[in-house]
N, C-alpha and C. Protein backbone atom coordinates (compact mmCIF):
# COMPACT_ATOMS: atom_id res chain seq x y z
N MET A 1 4.02 -24.48 7.84
CA MET A 1 5.32 -23.87 8.09
C MET A 1 5.39 -23.40 9.55
N ASN A 2 6.49 -23.65 10.20
CA ASN A 2 6.69 -23.19 11.57
C ASN A 2 6.60 -21.67 11.61
N ASP A 3 5.83 -21.14 12.58
CA ASP A 3 5.62 -19.69 12.64
C ASP A 3 6.93 -18.92 12.71
N GLN A 4 7.93 -19.46 13.40
CA GLN A 4 9.20 -18.75 13.51
C GLN A 4 9.93 -18.69 12.17
N LYS A 5 9.57 -19.58 11.25
CA LYS A 5 10.22 -19.60 9.95
C LYS A 5 9.42 -18.83 8.90
N LYS A 6 8.16 -18.54 9.19
CA LYS A 6 7.37 -17.75 8.24
C LYS A 6 7.98 -16.37 8.09
N PRO A 7 7.97 -15.82 6.89
CA PRO A 7 8.39 -14.43 6.76
C PRO A 7 7.40 -13.52 7.48
N LEU A 8 7.91 -12.40 7.94
CA LEU A 8 7.06 -11.42 8.61
C LEU A 8 6.98 -10.17 7.72
N LEU A 9 5.78 -9.83 7.32
CA LEU A 9 5.57 -8.62 6.52
C LEU A 9 5.23 -7.47 7.44
N ILE A 10 5.90 -6.33 7.24
CA ILE A 10 5.54 -5.09 7.90
C ILE A 10 4.87 -4.24 6.83
N SER A 11 3.56 -4.04 6.96
CA SER A 11 2.82 -3.43 5.86
C SER A 11 1.98 -2.25 6.31
N CYS A 12 1.77 -1.34 5.37
CA CYS A 12 0.81 -0.27 5.57
C CYS A 12 -0.58 -0.88 5.66
N GLY A 13 -1.38 -0.40 6.60
CA GLY A 13 -2.72 -0.92 6.80
C GLY A 13 -3.65 -0.74 5.61
N ILE A 14 -3.29 0.13 4.67
CA ILE A 14 -4.14 0.33 3.49
C ILE A 14 -4.27 -0.96 2.68
N LEU A 15 -3.26 -1.84 2.78
CA LEU A 15 -3.28 -3.09 2.01
C LEU A 15 -3.77 -4.28 2.83
N LYS A 16 -4.32 -4.03 4.00
CA LYS A 16 -4.68 -5.13 4.89
C LYS A 16 -5.66 -6.11 4.27
N ASN A 17 -6.75 -5.63 3.69
CA ASN A 17 -7.76 -6.54 3.15
C ASN A 17 -7.21 -7.43 2.05
N GLU A 18 -6.37 -6.85 1.19
CA GLU A 18 -5.81 -7.61 0.08
C GLU A 18 -4.81 -8.66 0.58
N ILE A 19 -3.95 -8.26 1.50
CA ILE A 19 -2.96 -9.22 2.02
C ILE A 19 -3.65 -10.33 2.81
N GLN A 20 -4.64 -9.96 3.61
CA GLN A 20 -5.36 -10.98 4.37
C GLN A 20 -6.06 -11.98 3.45
N LYS A 21 -6.57 -11.51 2.32
CA LYS A 21 -7.21 -12.41 1.36
C LYS A 21 -6.20 -13.39 0.78
N LEU A 22 -5.00 -12.93 0.49
CA LEU A 22 -3.95 -13.83 -0.01
C LEU A 22 -3.64 -14.90 1.02
N ILE A 23 -3.59 -14.52 2.30
CA ILE A 23 -3.31 -15.48 3.36
C ILE A 23 -4.47 -16.45 3.53
N GLU A 24 -5.68 -15.92 3.58
CA GLU A 24 -6.86 -16.77 3.81
C GLU A 24 -7.07 -17.79 2.69
N THR A 25 -6.69 -17.45 1.48
CA THR A 25 -6.88 -18.35 0.34
C THR A 25 -5.66 -19.24 0.09
N GLY A 26 -4.67 -19.16 0.99
CA GLY A 26 -3.50 -20.02 0.87
C GLY A 26 -2.50 -19.61 -0.19
N GLN A 27 -2.65 -18.40 -0.72
CA GLN A 27 -1.71 -17.93 -1.74
C GLN A 27 -0.45 -17.31 -1.13
N LEU A 28 -0.51 -17.04 0.16
CA LEU A 28 0.62 -16.42 0.85
C LEU A 28 0.74 -17.03 2.24
N ASP A 29 1.94 -17.49 2.59
CA ASP A 29 2.18 -18.07 3.90
C ASP A 29 3.12 -17.15 4.67
N ALA A 30 2.55 -16.21 5.39
CA ALA A 30 3.36 -15.20 6.10
C ALA A 30 2.56 -14.66 7.27
N ASP A 31 3.28 -14.10 8.22
CA ASP A 31 2.65 -13.32 9.28
C ASP A 31 2.76 -11.86 8.89
N VAL A 32 1.85 -11.05 9.39
CA VAL A 32 1.84 -9.63 9.01
C VAL A 32 1.61 -8.74 10.22
N LYS A 33 2.37 -7.66 10.27
CA LYS A 33 2.11 -6.59 11.24
C LYS A 33 1.75 -5.36 10.43
N TYR A 34 0.55 -4.83 10.67
CA TYR A 34 0.09 -3.66 9.92
C TYR A 34 0.30 -2.40 10.74
N LEU A 35 0.83 -1.38 10.09
CA LEU A 35 0.97 -0.07 10.72
C LEU A 35 -0.15 0.84 10.21
N GLY A 36 -0.56 1.78 11.03
CA GLY A 36 -1.68 2.65 10.69
C GLY A 36 -1.45 3.48 9.45
N ALA A 37 -2.47 3.56 8.60
CA ALA A 37 -2.36 4.34 7.36
C ALA A 37 -2.19 5.82 7.64
N LYS A 38 -2.71 6.30 8.77
CA LYS A 38 -2.64 7.73 9.07
C LYS A 38 -1.20 8.21 9.25
N LEU A 39 -0.28 7.28 9.49
CA LEU A 39 1.14 7.65 9.64
C LEU A 39 1.66 8.35 8.40
N HIS A 40 1.01 8.14 7.25
CA HIS A 40 1.47 8.78 6.02
C HIS A 40 1.35 10.30 6.07
N TYR A 41 0.55 10.81 6.97
CA TYR A 41 0.42 12.27 7.09
C TYR A 41 1.66 12.92 7.67
N ASP A 42 2.52 12.13 8.29
CA ASP A 42 3.70 12.69 8.96
C ASP A 42 4.88 11.74 8.74
N TYR A 43 5.80 12.13 7.86
CA TYR A 43 6.95 11.27 7.57
C TYR A 43 7.74 10.95 8.83
N GLY A 44 7.83 11.91 9.73
CA GLY A 44 8.58 11.68 10.96
C GLY A 44 7.95 10.58 11.81
N LEU A 45 6.62 10.63 11.93
CA LEU A 45 5.92 9.59 12.70
C LEU A 45 6.05 8.23 12.03
N LEU A 46 5.93 8.19 10.71
CA LEU A 46 6.05 6.93 9.99
C LEU A 46 7.46 6.36 10.15
N GLU A 47 8.45 7.22 10.02
CA GLU A 47 9.83 6.74 10.17
C GLU A 47 10.08 6.17 11.57
N ARG A 48 9.58 6.86 12.59
CA ARG A 48 9.76 6.35 13.96
C ARG A 48 9.02 5.03 14.15
N ALA A 49 7.82 4.92 13.58
CA ALA A 49 7.06 3.68 13.70
C ALA A 49 7.77 2.52 13.01
N LEU A 50 8.31 2.79 11.83
CA LEU A 50 9.03 1.74 11.11
C LEU A 50 10.29 1.33 11.86
N LYS A 51 11.06 2.31 12.32
CA LYS A 51 12.29 1.99 13.07
C LYS A 51 11.97 1.17 14.31
N GLY A 52 10.98 1.60 15.07
CA GLY A 52 10.61 0.89 16.29
C GLY A 52 10.17 -0.54 16.00
N THR A 53 9.40 -0.70 14.94
CA THR A 53 8.92 -2.03 14.56
C THR A 53 10.06 -2.91 14.08
N PHE A 54 10.93 -2.36 13.23
CA PHE A 54 12.07 -3.13 12.74
C PHE A 54 12.96 -3.58 13.90
N GLU A 55 13.26 -2.65 14.80
CA GLU A 55 14.14 -2.99 15.92
C GLU A 55 13.53 -4.07 16.80
N LYS A 56 12.24 -3.96 17.05
CA LYS A 56 11.57 -4.94 17.91
C LYS A 56 11.57 -6.33 17.28
N VAL A 57 11.19 -6.42 16.02
CA VAL A 57 11.08 -7.75 15.41
C VAL A 57 12.46 -8.36 15.15
N LEU A 58 13.43 -7.54 14.81
CA LEU A 58 14.76 -8.08 14.55
C LEU A 58 15.44 -8.54 15.84
N LYS A 59 15.10 -7.92 16.94
CA LYS A 59 15.69 -8.29 18.23
C LYS A 59 15.10 -9.59 18.77
N HIS A 60 13.80 -9.79 18.54
CA HIS A 60 13.12 -10.91 19.19
C HIS A 60 12.76 -12.07 18.26
N GLN A 61 12.91 -11.91 16.95
CA GLN A 61 12.46 -12.96 16.06
C GLN A 61 13.49 -13.26 14.98
N ALA A 62 13.84 -14.53 14.88
CA ALA A 62 14.82 -14.95 13.87
C ALA A 62 14.09 -15.39 12.60
N ARG A 63 13.69 -14.43 11.81
CA ARG A 63 13.04 -14.76 10.53
C ARG A 63 13.20 -13.61 9.55
N ASN A 64 12.83 -13.88 8.31
CA ASN A 64 12.95 -12.85 7.28
C ASN A 64 11.85 -11.81 7.45
N VAL A 65 12.24 -10.55 7.33
CA VAL A 65 11.31 -9.45 7.47
C VAL A 65 11.24 -8.70 6.14
N ILE A 66 10.02 -8.45 5.68
CA ILE A 66 9.81 -7.75 4.41
C ILE A 66 8.94 -6.52 4.66
N ALA A 67 9.36 -5.38 4.15
CA ALA A 67 8.58 -4.14 4.26
C ALA A 67 7.68 -4.01 3.03
N VAL A 68 6.37 -3.95 3.27
CA VAL A 68 5.43 -3.77 2.16
C VAL A 68 5.03 -2.29 2.16
N TYR A 69 5.97 -1.50 1.70
CA TYR A 69 5.82 -0.05 1.57
C TYR A 69 6.44 0.35 0.24
N GLY A 70 5.99 1.48 -0.29
CA GLY A 70 6.53 1.95 -1.56
C GLY A 70 7.77 2.80 -1.40
N ASP A 71 8.45 3.00 -2.52
CA ASP A 71 9.68 3.79 -2.54
C ASP A 71 9.46 5.22 -2.06
N VAL A 72 8.28 5.78 -2.29
CA VAL A 72 8.04 7.19 -1.95
C VAL A 72 7.16 7.37 -0.72
N CYS A 73 6.93 6.30 0.03
CA CYS A 73 6.05 6.39 1.19
C CYS A 73 6.65 7.18 2.35
N LEU A 74 7.97 7.37 2.31
CA LEU A 74 8.64 8.11 3.38
C LEU A 74 9.29 9.39 2.84
N GLY A 75 8.93 9.75 1.63
CA GLY A 75 9.49 10.95 1.01
C GLY A 75 9.95 10.63 -0.41
N PHE A 76 10.08 11.68 -1.21
CA PHE A 76 10.36 11.50 -2.64
C PHE A 76 11.84 11.39 -2.97
N ASP A 77 12.69 11.33 -1.95
CA ASP A 77 14.11 11.07 -2.17
C ASP A 77 14.45 9.63 -1.80
N TYR A 78 13.45 8.77 -1.84
CA TYR A 78 13.63 7.34 -1.58
C TYR A 78 14.21 7.06 -0.20
N GLU A 79 13.78 7.86 0.77
CA GLU A 79 14.27 7.71 2.14
C GLU A 79 14.01 6.32 2.71
N ILE A 80 12.91 5.71 2.29
CA ILE A 80 12.58 4.40 2.85
C ILE A 80 13.57 3.33 2.40
N LYS A 81 14.12 3.48 1.21
CA LYS A 81 15.13 2.52 0.74
C LYS A 81 16.37 2.57 1.65
N LYS A 82 16.76 3.78 1.99
CA LYS A 82 17.93 3.94 2.87
C LYS A 82 17.63 3.34 4.24
N LEU A 83 16.41 3.54 4.72
CA LEU A 83 16.03 3.04 6.04
C LEU A 83 16.05 1.52 6.08
N VAL A 84 15.44 0.86 5.11
CA VAL A 84 15.41 -0.61 5.14
C VAL A 84 16.81 -1.19 4.95
N GLU A 85 17.65 -0.52 4.15
CA GLU A 85 19.02 -1.00 3.98
C GLU A 85 19.79 -0.93 5.30
N THR A 86 19.51 0.09 6.10
CA THR A 86 20.17 0.23 7.41
C THR A 86 19.89 -0.98 8.29
N TYR A 87 18.67 -1.50 8.19
CA TYR A 87 18.28 -2.64 9.03
C TYR A 87 18.45 -3.98 8.32
N GLY A 88 18.92 -3.96 7.08
CA GLY A 88 19.10 -5.20 6.34
C GLY A 88 17.79 -5.88 5.99
N ILE A 89 16.77 -5.07 5.78
CA ILE A 89 15.43 -5.58 5.48
C ILE A 89 15.14 -5.41 3.99
N VAL A 90 14.45 -6.38 3.42
CA VAL A 90 14.05 -6.31 2.02
C VAL A 90 12.71 -5.58 1.93
N LYS A 91 12.58 -4.75 0.90
CA LYS A 91 11.33 -4.03 0.65
C LYS A 91 10.79 -4.47 -0.71
N VAL A 92 9.47 -4.48 -0.82
CA VAL A 92 8.88 -4.80 -2.13
C VAL A 92 9.28 -3.74 -3.14
N ASP A 93 9.35 -4.14 -4.40
CA ASP A 93 9.76 -3.24 -5.48
C ASP A 93 8.54 -2.52 -6.03
N ALA A 94 8.16 -1.44 -5.36
CA ALA A 94 6.96 -0.70 -5.77
C ALA A 94 7.10 0.75 -5.33
N LEU A 95 6.39 1.63 -6.01
CA LEU A 95 6.44 3.06 -5.71
C LEU A 95 5.58 3.43 -4.51
N ASN A 96 4.38 2.83 -4.43
CA ASN A 96 3.45 3.10 -3.34
C ASN A 96 2.44 1.95 -3.29
N CYS A 97 1.41 2.09 -2.48
CA CYS A 97 0.47 0.97 -2.32
C CYS A 97 -0.31 0.68 -3.60
N VAL A 98 -0.64 1.71 -4.37
CA VAL A 98 -1.34 1.49 -5.63
C VAL A 98 -0.44 0.72 -6.59
N ASP A 99 0.83 1.09 -6.65
CA ASP A 99 1.79 0.37 -7.50
C ASP A 99 1.93 -1.08 -7.04
N CYS A 100 1.88 -1.30 -5.71
CA CYS A 100 1.91 -2.67 -5.18
C CYS A 100 0.79 -3.50 -5.80
N LEU A 101 -0.42 -2.96 -5.82
CA LEU A 101 -1.57 -3.70 -6.33
C LEU A 101 -1.47 -3.94 -7.84
N LEU A 102 -0.78 -3.06 -8.52
CA LEU A 102 -0.63 -3.20 -9.97
C LEU A 102 0.53 -4.12 -10.35
N GLY A 103 1.28 -4.57 -9.34
CA GLY A 103 2.42 -5.46 -9.61
C GLY A 103 3.77 -4.80 -9.46
N GLY A 104 3.80 -3.55 -8.98
CA GLY A 104 5.05 -2.87 -8.67
C GLY A 104 5.90 -2.54 -9.88
N LYS A 105 7.17 -2.25 -9.60
CA LYS A 105 8.16 -1.93 -10.63
C LYS A 105 7.77 -0.71 -11.47
N GLY A 106 7.02 0.19 -10.87
CA GLY A 106 6.67 1.43 -11.57
C GLY A 106 5.51 1.32 -12.54
N ARG A 107 4.72 0.25 -12.44
CA ARG A 107 3.59 0.11 -13.36
C ARG A 107 2.59 1.26 -13.22
N LEU A 108 2.53 1.86 -12.04
CA LEU A 108 1.64 3.00 -11.84
C LEU A 108 1.99 4.14 -12.79
N LEU A 109 3.28 4.36 -13.02
CA LEU A 109 3.70 5.44 -13.91
C LEU A 109 3.29 5.16 -15.36
N LYS A 110 3.24 3.89 -15.72
CA LYS A 110 2.77 3.55 -17.07
C LYS A 110 1.26 3.77 -17.17
N ALA A 111 0.55 3.51 -16.09
CA ALA A 111 -0.90 3.67 -16.09
C ALA A 111 -1.32 5.14 -16.00
N ASP A 112 -0.44 5.97 -15.46
CA ASP A 112 -0.77 7.39 -15.25
C ASP A 112 0.50 8.24 -15.41
N ARG A 113 1.00 8.29 -16.63
CA ARG A 113 2.27 8.97 -16.90
C ARG A 113 2.28 10.43 -16.47
N ASP A 114 1.15 11.10 -16.62
CA ASP A 114 1.10 12.54 -16.35
C ASP A 114 0.49 12.88 -14.99
N HIS A 115 0.32 11.86 -14.15
CA HIS A 115 -0.21 12.07 -12.78
C HIS A 115 -1.54 12.84 -12.80
N LYS A 116 -2.47 12.36 -13.64
CA LYS A 116 -3.74 13.06 -13.81
C LYS A 116 -4.88 12.46 -12.99
N TYR A 117 -4.63 11.29 -12.39
CA TYR A 117 -5.75 10.56 -11.79
C TYR A 117 -5.53 10.24 -10.32
N PHE A 118 -6.64 10.12 -9.61
CA PHE A 118 -6.63 9.71 -8.22
C PHE A 118 -7.16 8.26 -8.21
N PHE A 119 -6.31 7.33 -7.77
CA PHE A 119 -6.67 5.92 -7.76
C PHE A 119 -7.34 5.57 -6.44
N LEU A 120 -8.47 4.89 -6.54
CA LEU A 120 -9.21 4.49 -5.34
C LEU A 120 -9.27 2.97 -5.25
N THR A 121 -8.97 2.46 -4.07
CA THR A 121 -9.14 1.06 -3.72
C THR A 121 -10.01 1.05 -2.46
N PRO A 122 -10.54 -0.09 -2.06
CA PRO A 122 -11.28 -0.12 -0.80
C PRO A 122 -10.48 0.44 0.38
N GLY A 123 -9.18 0.14 0.42
CA GLY A 123 -8.34 0.68 1.50
C GLY A 123 -8.27 2.19 1.47
N TRP A 124 -8.16 2.75 0.26
CA TRP A 124 -8.11 4.20 0.14
C TRP A 124 -9.46 4.85 0.45
N ILE A 125 -10.53 4.14 0.10
CA ILE A 125 -11.86 4.67 0.41
C ILE A 125 -12.06 4.75 1.91
N THR A 126 -11.63 3.70 2.62
CA THR A 126 -11.71 3.70 4.08
C THR A 126 -10.85 4.81 4.67
N PHE A 127 -9.64 4.96 4.14
CA PHE A 127 -8.74 6.03 4.59
C PHE A 127 -9.40 7.39 4.38
N TRP A 128 -9.99 7.58 3.21
CA TRP A 128 -10.66 8.84 2.88
C TRP A 128 -11.75 9.16 3.90
N ASN A 129 -12.57 8.16 4.19
CA ASN A 129 -13.68 8.37 5.12
C ASN A 129 -13.20 8.71 6.52
N GLN A 130 -12.07 8.16 6.92
CA GLN A 130 -11.55 8.41 8.26
C GLN A 130 -10.81 9.74 8.39
N PHE A 131 -10.07 10.11 7.34
CA PHE A 131 -9.14 11.21 7.51
C PHE A 131 -9.26 12.36 6.52
N GLU A 132 -9.92 12.16 5.38
CA GLU A 132 -9.91 13.19 4.35
C GLU A 132 -11.23 13.93 4.18
N LYS A 133 -12.34 13.21 4.31
CA LYS A 133 -13.60 13.80 3.85
C LYS A 133 -14.01 15.04 4.61
N SER A 134 -13.50 15.23 5.81
CA SER A 134 -13.86 16.41 6.59
C SER A 134 -13.01 17.63 6.26
N LYS A 135 -12.01 17.47 5.41
CA LYS A 135 -11.13 18.60 5.09
C LYS A 135 -11.83 19.60 4.18
N LYS A 136 -11.38 20.83 4.25
CA LYS A 136 -12.01 21.91 3.48
C LYS A 136 -11.38 22.03 2.10
N ASN A 137 -12.12 22.69 1.22
CA ASN A 137 -11.64 23.03 -0.12
C ASN A 137 -11.13 21.82 -0.90
N LEU A 138 -11.84 20.71 -0.82
CA LEU A 138 -11.38 19.50 -1.49
C LEU A 138 -11.35 19.66 -3.01
N LYS A 139 -12.30 20.41 -3.55
CA LYS A 139 -12.30 20.60 -5.01
C LYS A 139 -11.07 21.38 -5.46
N GLU A 140 -10.66 22.35 -4.65
CA GLU A 140 -9.44 23.11 -4.97
C GLU A 140 -8.21 22.22 -4.85
N ARG A 141 -8.18 21.40 -3.82
CA ARG A 141 -7.01 20.55 -3.57
C ARG A 141 -6.82 19.52 -4.68
N TYR A 142 -7.92 19.08 -5.31
CA TYR A 142 -7.83 18.05 -6.34
C TYR A 142 -8.06 18.60 -7.75
N ALA A 143 -8.03 19.92 -7.87
CA ALA A 143 -8.35 20.56 -9.15
C ALA A 143 -7.37 20.21 -10.27
N MET A 144 -6.15 19.82 -9.91
CA MET A 144 -5.15 19.52 -10.94
C MET A 144 -5.36 18.14 -11.57
N LEU A 145 -6.26 17.35 -10.98
CA LEU A 145 -6.51 16.00 -11.48
C LEU A 145 -7.72 15.97 -12.42
N GLU A 146 -7.80 14.92 -13.23
CA GLU A 146 -8.88 14.82 -14.21
C GLU A 146 -9.96 13.82 -13.83
N GLY A 147 -9.67 12.90 -12.93
CA GLY A 147 -10.70 11.93 -12.59
C GLY A 147 -10.24 10.85 -11.64
N LEU A 148 -11.17 9.98 -11.30
CA LEU A 148 -10.92 8.86 -10.40
C LEU A 148 -10.80 7.58 -11.21
N ILE A 149 -9.82 6.75 -10.86
CA ILE A 149 -9.70 5.41 -11.42
C ILE A 149 -9.89 4.43 -10.27
N LEU A 150 -10.85 3.53 -10.43
CA LEU A 150 -11.16 2.56 -9.38
C LEU A 150 -10.42 1.26 -9.65
N LEU A 151 -9.71 0.76 -8.64
CA LEU A 151 -8.99 -0.50 -8.75
C LEU A 151 -9.70 -1.55 -7.91
N ASP A 152 -10.15 -2.60 -8.56
CA ASP A 152 -10.92 -3.64 -7.88
C ASP A 152 -10.07 -4.91 -7.78
N ALA A 153 -9.42 -5.09 -6.63
CA ALA A 153 -8.58 -6.27 -6.42
C ALA A 153 -9.36 -7.43 -5.81
N LEU A 154 -10.44 -7.12 -5.11
CA LEU A 154 -11.16 -8.15 -4.37
C LEU A 154 -12.57 -8.42 -4.91
N GLY A 155 -12.93 -7.73 -5.97
CA GLY A 155 -14.26 -7.93 -6.54
C GLY A 155 -15.38 -7.36 -5.70
N ASN A 156 -15.06 -6.38 -4.86
CA ASN A 156 -16.09 -5.87 -3.94
C ASN A 156 -16.32 -4.37 -4.04
N LEU A 157 -15.90 -3.75 -5.14
CA LEU A 157 -16.06 -2.29 -5.25
C LEU A 157 -17.52 -1.86 -5.24
N ALA A 158 -18.42 -2.74 -5.67
CA ALA A 158 -19.84 -2.39 -5.67
C ALA A 158 -20.33 -2.08 -4.26
N ASP A 159 -19.69 -2.67 -3.25
CA ASP A 159 -20.06 -2.41 -1.86
C ASP A 159 -19.76 -0.98 -1.43
N TYR A 160 -18.92 -0.29 -2.21
CA TYR A 160 -18.48 1.05 -1.84
C TYR A 160 -19.08 2.13 -2.74
N LYS A 161 -20.15 1.77 -3.46
CA LYS A 161 -20.72 2.71 -4.43
C LYS A 161 -21.06 4.06 -3.82
N ASP A 162 -21.73 4.07 -2.67
CA ASP A 162 -22.12 5.34 -2.05
C ASP A 162 -20.90 6.16 -1.66
N GLU A 163 -19.87 5.51 -1.11
CA GLU A 163 -18.64 6.22 -0.72
C GLU A 163 -17.92 6.78 -1.94
N ILE A 164 -17.88 6.01 -3.03
CA ILE A 164 -17.24 6.48 -4.26
C ILE A 164 -17.98 7.69 -4.81
N ASP A 165 -19.30 7.62 -4.82
CA ASP A 165 -20.10 8.76 -5.29
C ASP A 165 -19.82 10.01 -4.43
N ALA A 166 -19.69 9.81 -3.12
CA ALA A 166 -19.44 10.94 -2.22
C ALA A 166 -18.07 11.54 -2.48
N ILE A 167 -17.07 10.69 -2.72
CA ILE A 167 -15.72 11.19 -3.02
C ILE A 167 -15.73 11.95 -4.34
N SER A 168 -16.45 11.43 -5.31
CA SER A 168 -16.54 12.10 -6.60
C SER A 168 -17.17 13.48 -6.45
N ARG A 169 -18.24 13.57 -5.68
CA ARG A 169 -18.91 14.87 -5.47
C ARG A 169 -18.00 15.84 -4.73
N SER A 170 -17.35 15.38 -3.67
CA SER A 170 -16.59 16.30 -2.83
C SER A 170 -15.30 16.78 -3.51
N THR A 171 -14.76 15.97 -4.41
CA THR A 171 -13.53 16.38 -5.12
C THR A 171 -13.83 17.01 -6.47
N GLY A 172 -15.04 16.77 -6.98
CA GLY A 172 -15.37 17.24 -8.31
C GLY A 172 -14.76 16.38 -9.41
N LEU A 173 -14.27 15.19 -9.06
CA LEU A 173 -13.61 14.31 -10.02
C LEU A 173 -14.57 13.19 -10.45
N PRO A 174 -14.80 13.04 -11.74
CA PRO A 174 -15.65 11.94 -12.21
C PRO A 174 -14.90 10.62 -12.20
N VAL A 175 -15.63 9.52 -12.09
CA VAL A 175 -15.02 8.20 -12.26
C VAL A 175 -14.80 7.99 -13.75
N VAL A 176 -13.55 7.80 -14.15
CA VAL A 176 -13.25 7.66 -15.58
C VAL A 176 -12.96 6.22 -15.99
N GLU A 177 -12.64 5.37 -14.99
CA GLU A 177 -12.32 3.99 -15.34
C GLU A 177 -12.42 3.11 -14.10
N LYS A 178 -12.80 1.88 -14.33
CA LYS A 178 -12.78 0.86 -13.28
C LYS A 178 -11.98 -0.32 -13.81
N LYS A 179 -10.95 -0.70 -13.06
CA LYS A 179 -10.08 -1.79 -13.49
C LYS A 179 -10.20 -2.96 -12.53
N LYS A 180 -10.50 -4.11 -13.07
CA LYS A 180 -10.52 -5.33 -12.27
C LYS A 180 -9.10 -5.89 -12.31
N ILE A 181 -8.39 -5.80 -11.20
CA ILE A 181 -6.96 -6.14 -11.24
C ILE A 181 -6.61 -7.43 -10.51
N GLY A 182 -7.49 -7.91 -9.63
CA GLY A 182 -7.17 -9.12 -8.89
C GLY A 182 -6.00 -8.91 -7.94
N LEU A 183 -5.50 -10.01 -7.41
CA LEU A 183 -4.43 -9.96 -6.40
C LEU A 183 -3.09 -10.45 -6.94
N GLU A 184 -3.04 -10.80 -8.22
CA GLU A 184 -1.82 -11.40 -8.77
C GLU A 184 -0.61 -10.48 -8.68
N GLY A 185 -0.82 -9.18 -8.96
CA GLY A 185 0.30 -8.24 -8.91
C GLY A 185 0.88 -8.10 -7.51
N LEU A 186 0.00 -7.97 -6.53
CA LEU A 186 0.44 -7.86 -5.14
C LEU A 186 1.16 -9.13 -4.70
N LYS A 187 0.58 -10.27 -5.02
CA LYS A 187 1.20 -11.54 -4.66
C LYS A 187 2.60 -11.66 -5.26
N GLN A 188 2.73 -11.27 -6.51
CA GLN A 188 4.01 -11.40 -7.21
C GLN A 188 5.11 -10.58 -6.54
N ILE A 189 4.82 -9.32 -6.20
CA ILE A 189 5.91 -8.52 -5.63
C ILE A 189 6.25 -8.96 -4.21
N ILE A 190 5.26 -9.46 -3.47
CA ILE A 190 5.56 -9.98 -2.13
C ILE A 190 6.37 -11.27 -2.24
N ASP A 191 5.98 -12.16 -3.15
CA ASP A 191 6.73 -13.41 -3.35
C ASP A 191 8.18 -13.11 -3.74
N GLU A 192 8.36 -12.15 -4.64
CA GLU A 192 9.72 -11.79 -5.07
C GLU A 192 10.55 -11.27 -3.90
N ALA A 193 9.93 -10.45 -3.05
CA ALA A 193 10.65 -9.91 -1.89
C ALA A 193 11.00 -11.02 -0.89
N ILE A 194 10.10 -11.98 -0.71
CA ILE A 194 10.38 -13.09 0.20
C ILE A 194 11.55 -13.91 -0.31
N VAL A 195 11.57 -14.21 -1.59
CA VAL A 195 12.69 -14.95 -2.18
C VAL A 195 14.00 -14.19 -2.00
N LYS A 196 13.95 -12.89 -2.25
CA LYS A 196 15.14 -12.05 -2.09
C LYS A 196 15.62 -12.04 -0.65
N SER A 197 14.70 -12.01 0.30
CA SER A 197 15.07 -11.96 1.72
C SER A 197 15.82 -13.22 2.14
N LYS A 198 15.55 -14.33 1.48
CA LYS A 198 16.20 -15.60 1.82
C LYS A 198 17.63 -15.68 1.34
N THR A 199 17.98 -14.79 0.42
CA THR A 199 19.34 -14.83 -0.14
C THR A 199 20.24 -13.77 0.48
N GLN A 200 19.68 -12.95 1.37
CA GLN A 200 20.49 -11.89 1.99
C GLN A 200 21.28 -12.42 3.19
């Protein structure tokens, strides 16, 4: 496919490994621009980064643009939906990055109706090591949760055993489940968004 005709995904860096695997294995034909995961700490910074990226790509590239971000990634009043609509950009149908991996459409709420669990993926483990593990009072901050659920999309969670053990110790949360989820859910919601972008 001609690069100018490939869809361009604007994605949170937390999903980089999974999206790159889809591309490398030929399951996804798209270009991707990843934004830093740390932007999630500041909605204002994330909004400015998204706006700047949208404006740049829409000005210089004639192709479909898809935002691989969740409904609540910019705030719990669905601010990101309003933002992408302003730019005429399609967004994947998912609540957040974990929901993306589960196939979107709110499947995360079915898996954790009472918000009792902290879901870990390799991307989240890397994020934790970079930005969270040095914070104080982690056991207090996570005291309302009951445990960790590990999501294995790439079959490589065993590589993160030491990091998972460290997160469990520092939060006081036991690992209660490990789910082998593969990449099908993520592929499906990205494919659906690409199809939708072609009809806009």
